[in-house]
Amino acid sequence: MSDNFEKHKGIINSLYRQAKDDLWTPQFATVLLLLFGVLIVTIFFNVAVFSFGNWFVAFIVYFVEAVAPLVALYLHQRKIYETVREKAYAMNAAHPGIYEAYEEWRSKVDNPAS
């Protein structure tokens, strides 16, 4: 890690936590709960009450219902990273090198093994 990264790591982590808290709204949480709830209710009714007549249809329905909340979470996380990037770019004049530190932080987050 570079000295620039170590110098700005606290600010970047603070920006990340703030963006995460700001973007996690009750509406978003409700949508995620509903998406997971629909999957659970579908499985319950398929097992307990009736069955899809075709396994292919059942697979498609379950796949779409399982992937929908994961896609929503993925897009939400991308929005968080975009917000942090914008804030780091805006702070670059006041804190020289913070944007480069953000890029290093992001590469570390994207590839934790390296």
PDB file of N, CA and C in Angstrom:
ATOM      1  N   MET A   1       0.832  -1.176   0.000  1.00  0.00           N
ATOM      2  CA  MET A   1       0.000   0.000   0.000  1.00  0.00           C
ATOM      3  C   MET A   1       0.881   1.246   0.000  1.00  0.00           C
ATOM      4  N   SER A   2       0.459   2.212  -0.728  1.00  0.00           N
ATOM      5  CA  SER A   2       1.230   3.446  -0.811  1.00  0.00           C
ATOM      6  C   SER A   2       0.965   4.322   0.413  1.00  0.00           C
ATOM      7  N   ASP A   3       1.866   5.266   0.623  1.00  0.00           N
ATOM      8  CA  ASP A   3       1.687   6.215   1.730  1.00  0.00           C
ATOM      9  C   ASP A   3       0.441   7.057   1.517  1.00  0.00           C
ATOM     10  N   ASN A   4       0.160   7.377   0.257  1.00  0.00           N
ATOM     11  CA  ASN A   4      -1.033   8.152  -0.075  1.00  0.00           C
ATOM     12  C   ASN A   4      -2.294   7.399   0.348  1.00  0.00           C
ATOM     13  N   PHE A   5      -2.298   6.092   0.107  1.00  0.00           N
ATOM     14  CA  PHE A   5      -3.450   5.281   0.494  1.00  0.00           C
ATOM     15  C   PHE A   5      -3.609   5.256   2.011  1.00  0.00           C
ATOM     16  N   GLU A   6      -2.511   5.043   2.717  1.00  0.00           N
ATOM     17  CA  GLU A   6      -2.560   4.999   4.184  1.00  0.00           C
ATOM     18  C   GLU A   6      -3.019   6.337   4.753  1.00  0.00           C
ATOM     19  N   LYS A   7      -2.632   7.420   4.104  1.00  0.00           N
ATOM     20  CA  LYS A   7      -2.998   8.763   4.568  1.00  0.00           C
ATOM     21  C   LYS A   7      -4.505   9.008   4.438  1.00  0.00           C
ATOM     22  N   HIS A   8      -5.101   8.516   3.368  1.00  0.00           N
ATOM     23  CA  HIS A   8      -6.514   8.809   3.075  1.00  0.00           C
ATOM     24  C   HIS A   8      -7.452   7.643   3.334  1.00  0.00           C
ATOM     25  N   LYS A   9      -6.939   6.530   3.838  1.00  0.00           N
ATOM     26  CA  LYS A   9      -7.764   5.331   4.033  1.00  0.00           C
ATOM     27  C   LYS A   9      -8.945   5.606   4.969  1.00  0.00           C
ATOM     28  N   GLY A  10      -8.722   6.323   6.039  1.00  0.00           N
ATOM     29  CA  GLY A  10      -9.795   6.621   6.986  1.00  0.00           C
ATOM     30  C   GLY A  10     -10.901   7.454   6.366  1.00  0.00           C
ATOM     31  N   ILE A  11     -10.521   8.441   5.566  1.00  0.00           N
ATOM     32  CA  ILE A  11     -11.522   9.292   4.909  1.00  0.00           C
ATOM     33  C   ILE A  11     -12.336   8.472   3.913  1.00  0.00           C
ATOM     34  N   ILE A  12     -11.660   7.632   3.145  1.00  0.00           N
ATOM     35  CA  ILE A  12     -12.366   6.817   2.143  1.00  0.00           C
ATOM     36  C   ILE A  12     -13.308   5.823   2.820  1.00  0.00           C
ATOM     37  N   ASN A  13     -12.853   5.194   3.885  1.00  0.00           N
ATOM     38  CA  ASN A  13     -13.738   4.278   4.617  1.00  0.00           C
ATOM     39  C   ASN A  13     -14.924   5.020   5.208  1.00  0.00           C
ATOM     40  N   SER A  14     -14.687   6.235   5.674  1.00  0.00           N
ATOM     41  CA  SER A  14     -15.786   7.051   6.204  1.00  0.00           C
ATOM     42  C   SER A  14     -16.777   7.403   5.099  1.00  0.00           C
ATOM     43  N   LEU A  15     -16.271   7.777   3.925  1.00  0.00           N
ATOM     44  CA  LEU A  15     -17.146   8.071   2.791  1.00  0.00           C
ATOM     45  C   LEU A  15     -17.965   6.836   2.401  1.00  0.00           C
ATOM     46  N   TYR A  16     -17.319   5.669   2.428  1.00  0.00           N
ATOM     47  CA  TYR A  16     -18.021   4.424   2.085  1.00  0.00           C
ATOM     48  C   TYR A  16     -19.142   4.134   3.076  1.00  0.00           C
ATOM     49  N   ARG A  17     -18.844   4.240   4.369  1.00  0.00           N
ATOM     50  CA  ARG A  17     -19.880   3.978   5.386  1.00  0.00           C
ATOM     51  C   ARG A  17     -21.022   4.980   5.277  1.00  0.00           C
ATOM     52  N   GLN A  18     -20.692   6.245   5.024  1.00  0.00           N
ATOM     53  CA  GLN A  18     -21.728   7.274   4.894  1.00  0.00           C
ATOM     54  C   GLN A  18     -22.604   6.994   3.674  1.00  0.00           C
ATOM     55  N   ALA A  19     -21.985   6.664   2.550  1.00  0.00           N
ATOM     56  CA  ALA A  19     -22.763   6.375   1.339  1.00  0.00           C
ATOM     57  C   ALA A  19     -23.637   5.142   1.539  1.00  0.00           C
ATOM     58  N   LYS A  20     -23.078   4.136   2.195  1.00  0.00           N
ATOM     59  CA  LYS A  20     -23.841   2.919   2.456  1.00  0.00           C
ATOM     60  C   LYS A  20     -25.054   3.218   3.338  1.00  0.00           C
ATOM     61  N   ASP A  21     -24.852   4.010   4.379  1.00  0.00           N
ATOM     62  CA  ASP A  21     -25.965   4.370   5.258  1.00  0.00           C
ATOM     63  C   ASP A  21     -26.993   5.246   4.555  1.00  0.00           C
ATOM     64  N   ASP A  22     -26.523   6.176   3.716  1.00  0.00           N
ATOM     65  CA  ASP A  22     -27.446   7.067   3.013  1.00  0.00           C
ATOM     66  C   ASP A  22     -28.284   6.337   1.975  1.00  0.00           C
ATOM     67  N   LEU A  23     -27.705   5.342   1.331  1.00  0.00           N
ATOM     68  CA  LEU A  23     -28.421   4.651   0.257  1.00  0.00           C
ATOM     69  C   LEU A  23     -29.259   3.476   0.740  1.00  0.00           C
ATOM     70  N   TRP A  24     -29.035   3.021   1.963  1.00  0.00           N
ATOM     71  CA  TRP A  24     -29.848   1.926   2.495  1.00  0.00           C
ATOM     72  C   TRP A  24     -31.094   2.540   3.116  1.00  0.00           C
ATOM     73  N   THR A  25     -32.130   2.649   2.321  1.00  0.00           N
ATOM     74  CA  THR A  25     -33.366   3.288   2.760  1.00  0.00           C
ATOM     75  C   THR A  25     -34.397   2.231   3.135  1.00  0.00           C
ATOM     76  N   PRO A  26     -35.398   2.608   3.906  1.00  0.00           N
ATOM     77  CA  PRO A  26     -36.473   1.651   4.220  1.00  0.00           C
ATOM     78  C   PRO A  26     -37.180   1.126   2.962  1.00  0.00           C
ATOM     79  N   GLN A  27     -37.280   1.964   1.944  1.00  0.00           N
ATOM     80  CA  GLN A  27     -37.925   1.520   0.710  1.00  0.00           C
ATOM     81  C   GLN A  27     -37.112   0.417   0.035  1.00  0.00           C
ATOM     82  N   PHE A  28     -35.789   0.588   0.001  1.00  0.00           N
ATOM     83  CA  PHE A  28     -34.935  -0.430  -0.618  1.00  0.00           C
ATOM     84  C   PHE A  28     -34.977  -1.730   0.186  1.00  0.00           C
ATOM     85  N   ALA A  29     -34.934  -1.607   1.500  1.00  0.00           N
ATOM     86  CA  ALA A  29     -35.007  -2.792   2.354  1.00  0.00           C
ATOM     87  C   ALA A  29     -36.336  -3.520   2.149  1.00  0.00           C
ATOM     88  N   THR A  30     -37.414  -2.774   2.002  1.00  0.00           N
ATOM     89  CA  THR A  30     -38.730  -3.370   1.768  1.00  0.00           C
ATOM     90  C   THR A  30     -38.763  -4.114   0.442  1.00  0.00           C
ATOM     91  N   VAL A  31     -38.200  -3.516  -0.595  1.00  0.00           N
ATOM     92  CA  VAL A  31     -38.160  -4.173  -1.904  1.00  0.00           C
ATOM     93  C   VAL A  31     -37.387  -5.487  -1.815  1.00  0.00           C
ATOM     94  N   LEU A  32     -36.234  -5.470  -1.131  1.00  0.00           N
ATOM     95  CA  LEU A  32     -35.463  -6.707  -0.997  1.00  0.00           C
ATOM     96  C   LEU A  32     -36.226  -7.764  -0.217  1.00  0.00           C
ATOM     97  N   LEU A  33     -36.869  -7.365   0.867  1.00  0.00           N
ATOM     98  CA  LEU A  33     -37.659  -8.320   1.641  1.00  0.00           C
ATOM     99  C   LEU A  33     -38.796  -8.902   0.810  1.00  0.00           C
ATOM    100  N   LEU A  34     -39.442  -8.060   0.016  1.00  0.00           N
ATOM    101  CA  LEU A  34     -40.514  -8.553  -0.845  1.00  0.00           C
ATOM    102  C   LEU A  34     -39.991  -9.512  -1.904  1.00  0.00           C
ATOM    103  N   LEU A  35     -38.832  -9.204  -2.475  1.00  0.00           N
ATOM    104  CA  LEU A  35     -38.271 -10.098  -3.486  1.00  0.00           C
ATOM    105  C   LEU A  35     -37.922 -11.460  -2.893  1.00  0.00           C
ATOM    106  N   PHE A  36     -37.304 -11.470  -1.705  1.00  0.00           N
ATOM    107  CA  PHE A  36     -37.016 -12.746  -1.049  1.00  0.00           C
ATOM    108  C   PHE A  36     -38.306 -13.426  -0.590  1.00  0.00           C
ATOM    109  N   GLY A  37     -39.288 -12.644  -0.146  1.00  0.00           N
ATOM    110  CA  GLY A  37     -40.561 -13.195   0.302  1.00  0.00           C
ATOM    111  C   GLY A  37     -41.325 -13.877  -0.815  1.00  0.00           C
ATOM    112  N   VAL A  38     -41.292 -13.299  -1.994  1.00  0.00           N
ATOM    113  CA  VAL A  38     -41.972 -13.903  -3.137  1.00  0.00           C
ATOM    114  C   VAL A  38     -41.372 -15.267  -3.451  1.00  0.00           C
ATOM    115  N   LEU A  39     -40.054 -15.376  -3.367  1.00  0.00           N
ATOM    116  CA  LEU A  39     -39.399 -16.666  -3.602  1.00  0.00           C
ATOM    117  C   LEU A  39     -39.843 -17.700  -2.571  1.00  0.00           C
ATOM    118  N   ILE A  40     -39.860 -17.316  -1.310  1.00  0.00           N
ATOM    119  CA  ILE A  40     -40.252 -18.241  -0.240  1.00  0.00           C
ATOM    120  C   ILE A  40     -41.712 -18.660  -0.386  1.00  0.00           C
ATOM    121  N   VAL A  41     -42.586 -17.712  -0.673  1.00  0.00           N
ATOM    122  CA  VAL A  41     -44.007 -18.023  -0.842  1.00  0.00           C
ATOM    123  C   VAL A  41     -44.216 -18.929  -2.058  1.00  0.00           C
ATOM    124  N   THR A  42     -43.488 -18.670  -3.133  1.00  0.00           N
ATOM    125  CA  THR A  42     -43.614 -19.511  -4.319  1.00  0.00           C
ATOM    126  C   THR A  42     -43.184 -20.945  -4.023  1.00  0.00           C
ATOM    127  N   ILE A  43     -42.079 -21.098  -3.325  1.00  0.00           N
ATOM    128  CA  ILE A  43     -41.623 -22.447  -2.966  1.00  0.00           C
ATOM    129  C   ILE A  43     -42.658 -23.130  -2.075  1.00  0.00           C
ATOM    130  N   PHE A  44     -43.184 -22.408  -1.090  1.00  0.00           N
ATOM    131  CA  PHE A  44     -44.186 -22.990  -0.193  1.00  0.00           C
ATOM    132  C   PHE A  44     -45.408 -23.461  -0.972  1.00  0.00           C
ATOM    133  N   PHE A  45     -45.963 -22.581  -1.812  1.00  0.00           N
ATOM    134  CA  PHE A  45     -47.161 -22.965  -2.547  1.00  0.00           C
ATOM    135  C   PHE A  45     -46.884 -24.065  -3.559  1.00  0.00           C
ATOM    136  N   ASN A  46     -45.697 -24.077  -4.122  1.00  0.00           N
ATOM    137  CA  ASN A  46     -45.371 -25.136  -5.080  1.00  0.00           C
ATOM    138  C   ASN A  46     -45.270 -26.487  -4.379  1.00  0.00           C
ATOM    139  N   VAL A  47     -44.727 -26.511  -3.183  1.00  0.00           N
ATOM    140  CA  VAL A  47     -44.578 -27.770  -2.451  1.00  0.00           C
ATOM    141  C   VAL A  47     -45.878 -28.162  -1.763  1.00  0.00           C
ATOM    142  N   ALA A  48     -46.530 -27.231  -1.095  1.00  0.00           N
ATOM    143  CA  ALA A  48     -47.671 -27.556  -0.241  1.00  0.00           C
ATOM    144  C   ALA A  48     -49.003 -27.593  -0.979  1.00  0.00           C
ATOM    145  N   VAL A  49     -49.198 -26.725  -1.935  1.00  0.00           N
ATOM    146  CA  VAL A  49     -50.531 -26.577  -2.497  1.00  0.00           C
ATOM    147  C   VAL A  49     -50.629 -27.124  -3.919  1.00  0.00           C
ATOM    148  N   PHE A  50     -49.807 -26.631  -4.784  1.00  0.00           N
ATOM    149  CA  PHE A  50     -49.887 -27.075  -6.175  1.00  0.00           C
ATOM    150  C   PHE A  50     -48.472 -27.139  -6.738  1.00  0.00           C
ATOM    151  N   SER A  51     -48.380 -27.662  -7.910  1.00  0.00           N
ATOM    152  CA  SER A  51     -47.071 -27.797  -8.538  1.00  0.00           C
ATOM    153  C   SER A  51     -47.129 -27.225  -9.935  1.00  0.00           C
ATOM    154  N   PHE A  52     -46.001 -26.657 -10.344  1.00  0.00           N
ATOM    155  CA  PHE A  52     -45.910 -26.250 -11.741  1.00  0.00           C
ATOM    156  C   PHE A  52     -45.951 -27.521 -12.579  1.00  0.00           C
ATOM    157  N   GLY A  53     -46.676 -27.484 -13.667  1.00  0.00           N
ATOM    158  CA  GLY A  53     -46.830 -28.681 -14.478  1.00  0.00           C
ATOM    159  C   GLY A  53     -45.577 -29.076 -15.210  1.00  0.00           C
ATOM    160  N   ASN A  54     -44.652 -28.163 -15.367  1.00  0.00           N
ATOM    161  CA  ASN A  54     -43.469 -28.415 -16.161  1.00  0.00           C
ATOM    162  C   ASN A  54     -42.230 -28.046 -15.327  1.00  0.00           C
ATOM    163  N   TRP A  55     -41.229 -28.928 -15.301  1.00  0.00           N
ATOM    164  CA  TRP A  55     -40.014 -28.644 -14.526  1.00  0.00           C
ATOM    165  C   TRP A  55     -39.254 -27.465 -15.102  1.00  0.00           C
ATOM    166  N   PHE A  56     -39.327 -27.301 -16.427  1.00  0.00           N
ATOM    167  CA  PHE A  56     -38.641 -26.181 -17.053  1.00  0.00           C
ATOM    168  C   PHE A  56     -39.239 -24.855 -16.579  1.00  0.00           C
ATOM    169  N   VAL A  57     -40.556 -24.784 -16.514  1.00  0.00           N
ATOM    170  CA  VAL A  57     -41.227 -23.576 -16.029  1.00  0.00           C
ATOM    171  C   VAL A  57     -40.855 -23.324 -14.570  1.00  0.00           C
ATOM    172  N   ALA A  58     -40.842 -24.370 -13.759  1.00  0.00           N
ATOM    173  CA  ALA A  58     -40.469 -24.222 -12.347  1.00  0.00           C
ATOM    174  C   ALA A  58     -39.038 -23.706 -12.227  1.00  0.00           C
ATOM    175  N   PHE A  59     -38.120 -24.247 -13.029  1.00  0.00           N
ATOM    176  CA  PHE A  59     -36.736 -23.796 -12.983  1.00  0.00           C
ATOM    177  C   PHE A  59     -36.626 -22.318 -13.347  1.00  0.00           C
ATOM    178  N   ILE A  60     -37.301 -21.903 -14.399  1.00  0.00           N
ATOM    179  CA  ILE A  60     -37.254 -20.504 -14.824  1.00  0.00           C
ATOM    180  C   ILE A  60     -37.815 -19.598 -13.734  1.00  0.00           C
ATOM    181  N   VAL A  61     -38.949 -19.974 -13.159  1.00  0.00           N
ATOM    182  CA  VAL A  61     -39.573 -19.159 -12.118  1.00  0.00           C
ATOM    183  C   VAL A  61     -38.656 -19.041 -10.911  1.00  0.00           C
ATOM    184  N   TYR A  62     -38.119 -20.156 -10.440  1.00  0.00           N
ATOM    185  CA  TYR A  62     -37.224 -20.114  -9.277  1.00  0.00           C
ATOM    186  C   TYR A  62     -35.947 -19.343  -9.574  1.00  0.00           C
ATOM    187  N   PHE A  63     -35.404 -19.538 -10.766  1.00  0.00           N
ATOM    188  CA  PHE A  63     -34.181 -18.841 -11.131  1.00  0.00           C
ATOM    189  C   PHE A  63     -34.386 -17.332 -11.146  1.00  0.00           C
ATOM    190  N   VAL A  64     -35.444 -16.884 -11.774  1.00  0.00           N
ATOM    191  CA  VAL A  64     -35.721 -15.440 -11.837  1.00  0.00           C
ATOM    192  C   VAL A  64     -35.972 -14.884 -10.438  1.00  0.00           C
ATOM    193  N   GLU A  65     -36.716 -15.596  -9.631  1.00  0.00           N
ATOM    194  CA  GLU A  65     -37.015 -15.115  -8.281  1.00  0.00           C
ATOM    195  C   GLU A  65     -35.787 -15.134  -7.385  1.00  0.00           C
ATOM    196  N   ALA A  66     -34.851 -16.024  -7.614  1.00  0.00           N
ATOM    197  CA  ALA A  66     -33.629 -16.067  -6.810  1.00  0.00           C
ATOM    198  C   ALA A  66     -32.623 -15.018  -7.271  1.00  0.00           C
ATOM    199  N   VAL A  67     -32.589 -14.750  -8.563  1.00  0.00           N
ATOM    200  CA  VAL A  67     -31.610 -13.806  -9.102  1.00  0.00           C
ATOM    201  C   VAL A  67     -32.041 -12.350  -8.888  1.00  0.00           C
ATOM    202  N   ALA A  68     -33.317 -12.080  -8.866  1.00  0.00           N
ATOM    203  CA  ALA A  68     -33.802 -10.692  -8.754  1.00  0.00           C
ATOM    204  C   ALA A  68     -33.254  -9.962  -7.525  1.00  0.00           C
ATOM    205  N   PRO A  69     -33.319 -10.528  -6.305  1.00  0.00           N
ATOM    206  CA  PRO A  69     -32.749  -9.801  -5.168  1.00  0.00           C
ATOM    207  C   PRO A  69     -31.227  -9.670  -5.253  1.00  0.00           C
ATOM    208  N   LEU A  70     -30.572 -10.662  -5.834  1.00  0.00           N
ATOM    209  CA  LEU A  70     -29.117 -10.575  -5.973  1.00  0.00           C
ATOM    210  C   LEU A  70     -28.718  -9.473  -6.948  1.00  0.00           C
ATOM    211  N   VAL A  71     -29.469  -9.323  -8.022  1.00  0.00           N
ATOM    212  CA  VAL A  71     -29.211  -8.242  -8.968  1.00  0.00           C
ATOM    213  C   VAL A  71     -29.465  -6.891  -8.296  1.00  0.00           C
ATOM    214  N   ALA A  72     -30.525  -6.805  -7.516  1.00  0.00           N
ATOM    215  CA  ALA A  72     -30.815  -5.548  -6.809  1.00  0.00           C
ATOM    216  C   ALA A  72     -29.683  -5.197  -5.850  1.00  0.00           C
ATOM    217  N   LEU A  73     -29.160  -6.176  -5.131  1.00  0.00           N
ATOM    218  CA  LEU A  73     -28.034  -5.924  -4.225  1.00  0.00           C
ATOM    219  C   LEU A  73     -26.774  -5.533  -4.986  1.00  0.00           C
ATOM    220  N   TYR A  74     -26.520  -6.176  -6.104  1.00  0.00           N
ATOM    221  CA  TYR A  74     -25.356  -5.846  -6.920  1.00  0.00           C
ATOM    222  C   TYR A  74     -25.433  -4.411  -7.431  1.00  0.00           C
ATOM    223  N   LEU A  75     -26.586  -4.027  -7.966  1.00  0.00           N
ATOM    224  CA  LEU A  75     -26.753  -2.658  -8.464  1.00  0.00           C
ATOM    225  C   LEU A  75     -26.658  -1.638  -7.339  1.00  0.00           C
ATOM    226  N   HIS A  76     -27.151  -1.999  -6.158  1.00  0.00           N
ATOM    227  CA  HIS A  76     -27.058  -1.117  -4.998  1.00  0.00           C
ATOM    228  C   HIS A  76     -25.596  -0.914  -4.604  1.00  0.00           C
ATOM    229  N   GLN A  77     -24.811  -1.981  -4.601  1.00  0.00           N
ATOM    230  CA  GLN A  77     -23.393  -1.863  -4.256  1.00  0.00           C
ATOM    231  C   GLN A  77     -22.642  -1.035  -5.294  1.00  0.00           C
ATOM    232  N   ARG A  78     -22.975  -1.193  -6.562  1.00  0.00           N
ATOM    233  CA  ARG A  78     -22.355  -0.360  -7.599  1.00  0.00           C
ATOM    234  C   ARG A  78     -22.674   1.110  -7.379  1.00  0.00           C
ATOM    235  N   LYS A  79     -23.906   1.402  -6.975  1.00  0.00           N
ATOM    236  CA  LYS A  79     -24.302   2.788  -6.698  1.00  0.00           C
ATOM    237  C   LYS A  79     -23.497   3.343  -5.526  1.00  0.00           C
ATOM    238  N   ILE A  80     -23.246   2.530  -4.510  1.00  0.00           N
ATOM    239  CA  ILE A  80     -22.438   2.967  -3.366  1.00  0.00           C
ATOM    240  C   ILE A  80     -21.031   3.325  -3.839  1.00  0.00           C
ATOM    241  N   TYR A  81     -20.408   2.446  -4.635  1.00  0.00           N
ATOM    242  CA  TYR A  81     -19.057   2.718  -5.131  1.00  0.00           C
ATOM    243  C   TYR A  81     -19.031   3.974  -6.001  1.00  0.00           C
ATOM    244  N   GLU A  82     -20.059   4.166  -6.822  1.00  0.00           N
ATOM    245  CA  GLU A  82     -20.136   5.358  -7.665  1.00  0.00           C
ATOM    246  C   GLU A  82     -20.243   6.623  -6.809  1.00  0.00           C
ATOM    247  N   THR A  83     -21.031   6.562  -5.747  1.00  0.00           N
ATOM    248  CA  THR A  83     -21.177   7.710  -4.848  1.00  0.00           C
ATOM    249  C   THR A  83     -19.859   8.030  -4.159  1.00  0.00           C
ATOM    250  N   VAL A  84     -19.158   7.008  -3.699  1.00  0.00           N
ATOM    251  CA  VAL A  84     -17.857   7.224  -3.049  1.00  0.00           C
ATOM    252  C   VAL A  84     -16.866   7.808  -4.049  1.00  0.00           C
ATOM    253  N   ARG A  85     -16.882   7.310  -5.281  1.00  0.00           N
ATOM    254  CA  ARG A  85     -15.983   7.826  -6.310  1.00  0.00           C
ATOM    255  C   ARG A  85     -16.243   9.307  -6.567  1.00  0.00           C
ATOM    256  N   GLU A  86     -17.517   9.674  -6.687  1.00  0.00           N
ATOM    257  CA  GLU A  86     -17.867  11.074  -6.920  1.00  0.00           C
ATOM    258  C   GLU A  86     -17.426  11.967  -5.764  1.00  0.00           C
ATOM    259  N   LYS A  87     -17.634  11.510  -4.549  1.00  0.00           N
ATOM    260  CA  LYS A  87     -17.238  12.305  -3.385  1.00  0.00           C
ATOM    261  C   LYS A  87     -15.719  12.424  -3.294  1.00  0.00           C
ATOM    262  N   ALA A  88     -15.008  11.342  -3.589  1.00  0.00           N
ATOM    263  CA  ALA A  88     -13.541  11.390  -3.557  1.00  0.00           C
ATOM    264  C   ALA A  88     -13.024  12.326  -4.638  1.00  0.00           C
ATOM    265  N   TYR A  89     -13.634  12.302  -5.800  1.00  0.00           N
ATOM    266  CA  TYR A  89     -13.226  13.198  -6.880  1.00  0.00           C
ATOM    267  C   TYR A  89     -13.482  14.656  -6.496  1.00  0.00           C
ATOM    268  N   ALA A  90     -14.625  14.911  -5.844  1.00  0.00           N
ATOM    269  CA  ALA A  90     -14.949  16.274  -5.421  1.00  0.00           C
ATOM    270  C   ALA A  90     -14.008  16.760  -4.313  1.00  0.00           C
ATOM    271  N   MET A  91     -13.514  15.843  -3.493  1.00  0.00           N
ATOM    272  CA  MET A  91     -12.617  16.213  -2.390  1.00  0.00           C
ATOM    273  C   MET A  91     -11.155  16.293  -2.809  1.00  0.00           C
ATOM    274  N   ASN A  92     -10.852  15.948  -4.053  1.00  0.00           N
ATOM    275  CA  ASN A  92      -9.460  15.888  -4.494  1.00  0.00           C
ATOM    276  C   ASN A  92      -8.764  17.245  -4.398  1.00  0.00           C
ATOM    277  N   ALA A  93      -9.490  18.349  -4.565  1.00  0.00           N
ATOM    278  CA  ALA A  93      -8.872  19.676  -4.470  1.00  0.00           C
ATOM    279  C   ALA A  93      -8.470  19.986  -3.026  1.00  0.00           C
ATOM    280  N   ALA A  94      -9.338  19.623  -2.085  1.00  0.00           N
ATOM    281  CA  ALA A  94      -9.063  19.897  -0.666  1.00  0.00           C
ATOM    282  C   ALA A  94      -8.073  18.893  -0.080  1.00  0.00           C
ATOM    283  N   HIS A  95      -8.101  17.674  -0.560  1.00  0.00           N
ATOM    284  CA  HIS A  95      -7.214  16.604  -0.076  1.00  0.00           C
ATOM    285  C   HIS A  95      -6.478  16.023  -1.286  1.00  0.00           C
ATOM    286  N   PRO A  96      -5.381  16.627  -1.700  1.00  0.00           N
ATOM    287  CA  PRO A  96      -4.685  16.131  -2.896  1.00  0.00           C
ATOM    288  C   PRO A  96      -4.288  14.662  -2.749  1.00  0.00           C
ATOM    289  N   GLY A  97      -4.584  13.892  -3.785  1.00  0.00           N
ATOM    290  CA  GLY A  97      -4.226  12.486  -3.796  1.00  0.00           C
ATOM    291  C   GLY A  97      -5.315  11.555  -3.301  1.00  0.00           C
ATOM    292  N   ILE A  98      -6.448  12.097  -2.858  1.00  0.00           N
ATOM    293  CA  ILE A  98      -7.492  11.218  -2.326  1.00  0.00           C
ATOM    294  C   ILE A  98      -8.134  10.389  -3.439  1.00  0.00           C
ATOM    295  N   TYR A  99      -8.222  10.944  -4.641  1.00  0.00           N
ATOM    296  CA  TYR A  99      -8.826  10.181  -5.730  1.00  0.00           C
ATOM    297  C   TYR A  99      -7.940   8.996  -6.116  1.00  0.00           C
ATOM    298  N   GLU A 100      -6.632   9.200  -6.137  1.00  0.00           N
ATOM    299  CA  GLU A 100      -5.718   8.094  -6.420  1.00  0.00           C
ATOM    300  C   GLU A 100      -5.789   7.054  -5.304  1.00  0.00           C
ATOM    301  N   ALA A 101      -5.927   7.520  -4.071  1.00  0.00           N
ATOM    302  CA  ALA A 101      -6.084   6.594  -2.946  1.00  0.00           C
ATOM    303  C   ALA A 101      -7.396   5.825  -3.075  1.00  0.00           C
ATOM    304  N   TYR A 102      -8.446   6.510  -3.557  1.00  0.00           N
ATOM    305  CA  TYR A 102      -9.719   5.819  -3.790  1.00  0.00           C
ATOM    306  C   TYR A 102      -9.541   4.725  -4.835  1.00  0.00           C
ATOM    307  N   GLU A 103      -8.839   5.022  -5.928  1.00  0.00           N
ATOM    308  CA  GLU A 103      -8.631   4.016  -6.969  1.00  0.00           C
ATOM    309  C   GLU A 103      -7.859   2.817  -6.425  1.00  0.00           C
ATOM    310  N   GLU A 104      -6.881   3.077  -5.562  1.00  0.00           N
ATOM    311  CA  GLU A 104      -6.139   1.978  -4.943  1.00  0.00           C
ATOM    312  C   GLU A 104      -7.046   1.183  -3.992  1.00  0.00           C
ATOM    313  N   TRP A 105      -7.878   1.892  -3.230  1.00  0.00           N
ATOM    314  CA  TRP A 105      -8.833   1.237  -2.325  1.00  0.00           C
ATOM    315  C   TRP A 105      -9.801   0.368  -3.126  1.00  0.00           C
ATOM    316  N   ARG A 106     -10.289   0.908  -4.234  1.00  0.00           N
ATOM    317  CA  ARG A 106     -11.245   0.170  -5.061  1.00  0.00           C
ATOM    318  C   ARG A 106     -10.604  -1.077  -5.663  1.00  0.00           C
ATOM    319  N   SER A 107      -9.352  -0.960  -6.102  1.00  0.00           N
ATOM    320  CA  SER A 107      -8.693  -2.138  -6.669  1.00  0.00           C
ATOM    321  C   SER A 107      -8.457  -3.181  -5.580  1.00  0.00           C
ATOM    322  N   LYS A 108      -8.205  -2.720  -4.346  1.00  0.00           N
ATOM    323  CA  LYS A 108      -8.040  -3.655  -3.240  1.00  0.00           C
ATOM    324  C   LYS A 108      -9.367  -4.344  -2.904  1.00  0.00           C
ATOM    325  N   VAL A 109     -10.464  -3.607  -2.977  1.00  0.00           N
ATOM    326  CA  VAL A 109     -11.790  -4.176  -2.715  1.00  0.00           C
ATOM    327  C   VAL A 109     -12.175  -5.156  -3.819  1.00  0.00           C
ATOM    328  N   ASP A 110     -11.884  -4.810  -5.057  1.00  0.00           N
ATOM    329  CA  ASP A 110     -12.242  -5.673  -6.190  1.00  0.00           C
ATOM    330  C   ASP A 110     -11.420  -6.951  -6.237  1.00  0.00           C
ATOM    331  N   ASN A 111     -10.148  -6.867  -5.829  1.00  0.00           N
ATOM    332  CA  ASN A 111      -9.250  -8.021  -5.864  1.00  0.00           C
ATOM    333  C   ASN A 111      -8.563  -8.173  -4.510  1.00  0.00           C
ATOM    334  N   PRO A 112      -9.253  -8.737  -3.524  1.00  0.00           N
ATOM    335  CA  PRO A 112      -8.670  -8.810  -2.178  1.00  0.00           C
ATOM    336  C   PRO A 112      -7.436  -9.714  -2.081  1.00  0.00           C
ATOM    337  N   ALA A 113      -7.273 -10.658  -3.000  1.00  0.00           N
ATOM    338  CA  ALA A 113      -6.128 -11.571  -2.933  1.00  0.00           C
ATOM    339  C   ALA A 113      -4.831 -10.896  -3.342  1.00  0.00           C
ATOM    340  N   SER A 114      -4.911  -9.864  -4.176  1.00  0.00           N
ATOM    341  CA  SER A 114      -3.680  -9.233  -4.653  1.00  0.00           C
ATOM    342  C   SER A 114      -3.207  -8.119  -3.750  1.00  0.00           C
TER     343      SER A 114
END
